[in-house]
C-alpha cells in the first residue's frame, strides 16, 4: 500500500492474509467506485441472520457474492449454505482469500453480463 491506497500494480496479488479485516479493507479500496466502472459494492451486516457473504456486488447487472476468508479460515455451515443457494439461483461468487481471487470472480461476472447482453 502506498499512502493508504492500494498500489494498483500489486492490486491483483495472490497474497493471502491472516487478518480478514485487512483483506476486506484492501478489496473495498480496490473496488472503489472511481476505479471500477459498472460495479457497485454493498456490505450487509445483520446480527440476527447468519451466513450472509461479506460483499454483495452488482457487476454490470450480475448479482455477485464474495465471502472473504483468511489463509486458514473456513466457512461456517450457514455461509456454505448461503453461497450454495445463491449460486443455484444464478449468482456468481464464492470464497476468496486474495485480491486476485476477487478479481477472477468479478471477471466471471463480467463475462456473464456480456453473454446476457448478447442474448
Protein backbone atom coordinates (compact mmCIF):
# COMPACT_ATOMS: atom_id res chain seq x y z
CA UNK A 1 0.00 0.00 0.00
CA UNK A 2 1.20 3.49 -0.79
CA UNK A 3 -0.06 6.44 1.25
CA UNK A 4 -3.12 4.48 2.36
CA UNK A 5 -4.21 3.45 -1.12
CA UNK A 6 -3.79 0.20 -2.96
CA UNK A 7 -0.80 0.04 -5.28
CA UNK A 8 -2.61 -0.96 -8.48
CA UNK A 9 0.45 -2.78 -9.88
CA UNK A 10 0.24 -5.16 -6.94
CA UNK A 11 -3.54 -5.00 -6.64
CA UNK A 12 -4.07 -8.43 -8.14
CA UNK A 13 -1.79 -10.06 -5.64
CA UNK A 14 -2.40 -13.65 -4.73
CA UNK A 15 -1.21 -12.86 -1.19
CA UNK A 16 -3.43 -14.40 1.44
CA UNK A 17 -4.00 -12.74 4.80
CA UNK A 18 -4.19 -13.80 8.42
CA UNK A 19 -6.48 -10.86 9.21
CA UNK A 20 -9.82 -10.88 7.38
CA UNK A 21 -10.44 -7.19 8.18
CA UNK A 22 -7.24 -6.26 6.33
CA UNK A 23 -8.31 -8.28 3.28
CA UNK A 24 -11.74 -6.62 3.42
CA UNK A 25 -10.14 -3.16 3.51
CA UNK A 26 -7.84 -3.96 0.56
CA UNK A 27 -10.69 -5.40 -1.51
CA UNK A 28 -13.08 -2.49 -0.83
CA UNK A 29 -10.36 0.05 -1.66
CA UNK A 30 -9.64 -1.80 -4.90
CA UNK A 31 -13.35 -1.76 -5.74
CA UNK A 32 -13.70 1.99 -5.06
CA UNK A 33 -16.29 3.45 -7.46
CA UNK A 34 -13.82 5.73 -9.22
CA UNK A 35 -11.69 2.70 -10.16
CA UNK A 36 -14.25 0.08 -11.16
CA UNK A 37 -16.81 1.11 -13.76
CA UNK A 38 -20.09 -0.78 -13.63
CA UNK A 39 -19.56 -2.29 -10.17
CA UNK A 40 -21.47 -1.41 -7.01
CA UNK A 41 -20.43 -2.98 -3.70
CA UNK A 42 -22.66 -3.44 -0.66
CA UNK A 43 -21.91 -4.71 2.81
CA UNK A 44 -24.89 -6.31 4.52
CA UNK A 45 -24.44 -6.98 8.19
CA UNK A 46 -27.33 -8.48 10.12
CA UNK A 47 -26.56 -9.69 13.60
CA UNK A 48 -29.77 -11.72 13.62
CA UNK A 49 -29.23 -13.64 10.39
CA UNK A 50 -26.24 -15.92 9.92
CA UNK A 51 -24.35 -16.76 6.79
CA UNK A 52 -24.54 -13.66 4.61
CA UNK A 53 -21.44 -13.18 2.47
CA UNK A 54 -19.04 -10.34 3.24
CA UNK A 55 -19.64 -8.48 -0.01
CA UNK A 56 -22.60 -8.21 -2.33
CA UNK A 57 -21.82 -6.75 -5.73
CA UNK A 58 -23.75 -5.76 -8.79
CA UNK A 59 -21.27 -6.29 -11.62
CA UNK A 60 -22.74 -4.79 -14.78
CA UNK A 61 -26.13 -6.17 -13.72
CA UNK A 62 -24.95 -9.57 -12.47
CA UNK A 63 -25.56 -10.42 -8.80
CA UNK A 64 -22.23 -11.41 -7.28
CA UNK A 65 -21.29 -12.53 -3.77
CA UNK A 66 -17.88 -12.77 -2.17
CA UNK A 67 -17.03 -14.45 1.11
CA UNK A 68 -13.61 -13.33 2.34
CA UNK A 69 -11.54 -15.76 4.37
CA UNK A 70 -8.09 -15.73 5.89
CA UNK A 71 -5.36 -18.07 4.72
CA UNK A 72 -6.66 -20.76 7.08
CA UNK A 73 -10.23 -19.57 7.63
CA UNK A 74 -13.17 -21.87 6.98
CA UNK A 75 -16.77 -21.08 6.07
CA UNK A 76 -19.40 -21.75 8.67
CA UNK A 77 -22.18 -24.15 7.68
CA UNK A 78 -24.51 -21.13 7.32
CA UNK A 79 -22.06 -19.40 4.95
CA UNK A 80 -21.59 -22.55 2.89
CA UNK A 81 -25.36 -22.97 2.55
CA UNK A 82 -25.87 -19.30 1.65
CA UNK A 83 -23.23 -19.44 -1.10
CA UNK A 84 -24.65 -22.71 -2.46
CA UNK A 85 -28.19 -21.31 -2.57
CA UNK A 86 -27.10 -18.08 -4.28
CA UNK A 87 -25.10 -19.95 -6.93
CA UNK A 88 -28.05 -22.27 -7.56
CA UNK A 89 -30.19 -19.16 -8.16
CA UNK A 90 -27.79 -17.85 -10.78
CA UNK A 91 -25.44 -15.61 -8.81
CA UNK A 92 -21.70 -15.56 -9.40
CA UNK A 93 -19.41 -15.83 -6.41
CA UNK A 94 -17.50 -17.85 -3.92
CA UNK A 95 -14.85 -17.81 -1.23
CA UNK A 96 -11.81 -15.58 -1.78
CA UNK A 97 -8.56 -15.50 0.14
CA UNK A 98 -6.77 -12.93 -2.05
CA UNK A 99 -7.47 -9.89 -4.17
CA UNK A 100 -6.59 -11.92 -7.25
CA UNK A 101 -9.42 -14.37 -6.46
CA UNK A 102 -11.84 -11.44 -6.06
CA UNK A 103 -10.78 -10.13 -9.48
CA UNK A 104 -11.33 -13.58 -11.02
CA UNK A 105 -14.90 -13.72 -9.70
CA UNK A 106 -15.56 -10.20 -10.99
CA UNK A 107 -14.24 -11.19 -14.42
CA UNK A 108 -16.58 -14.21 -14.40
CA UNK A 109 -19.50 -11.87 -13.61
CA UNK A 110 -18.47 -9.51 -16.43
CA UNK A 111 -18.37 -12.42 -18.86
CA UNK A 112 -21.87 -13.43 -17.76
CA UNK A 113 -23.03 -9.81 -18.15
CA UNK A 114 -21.66 -9.74 -21.70
CA UNK A 115 -23.32 -13.05 -22.54
CA UNK A 116 -26.64 -11.73 -21.17
CA UNK A 117 -26.39 -8.66 -23.41
CA UNK A 118 -25.78 -10.83 -26.47
CA UNK A 119 -28.94 -12.89 -25.92
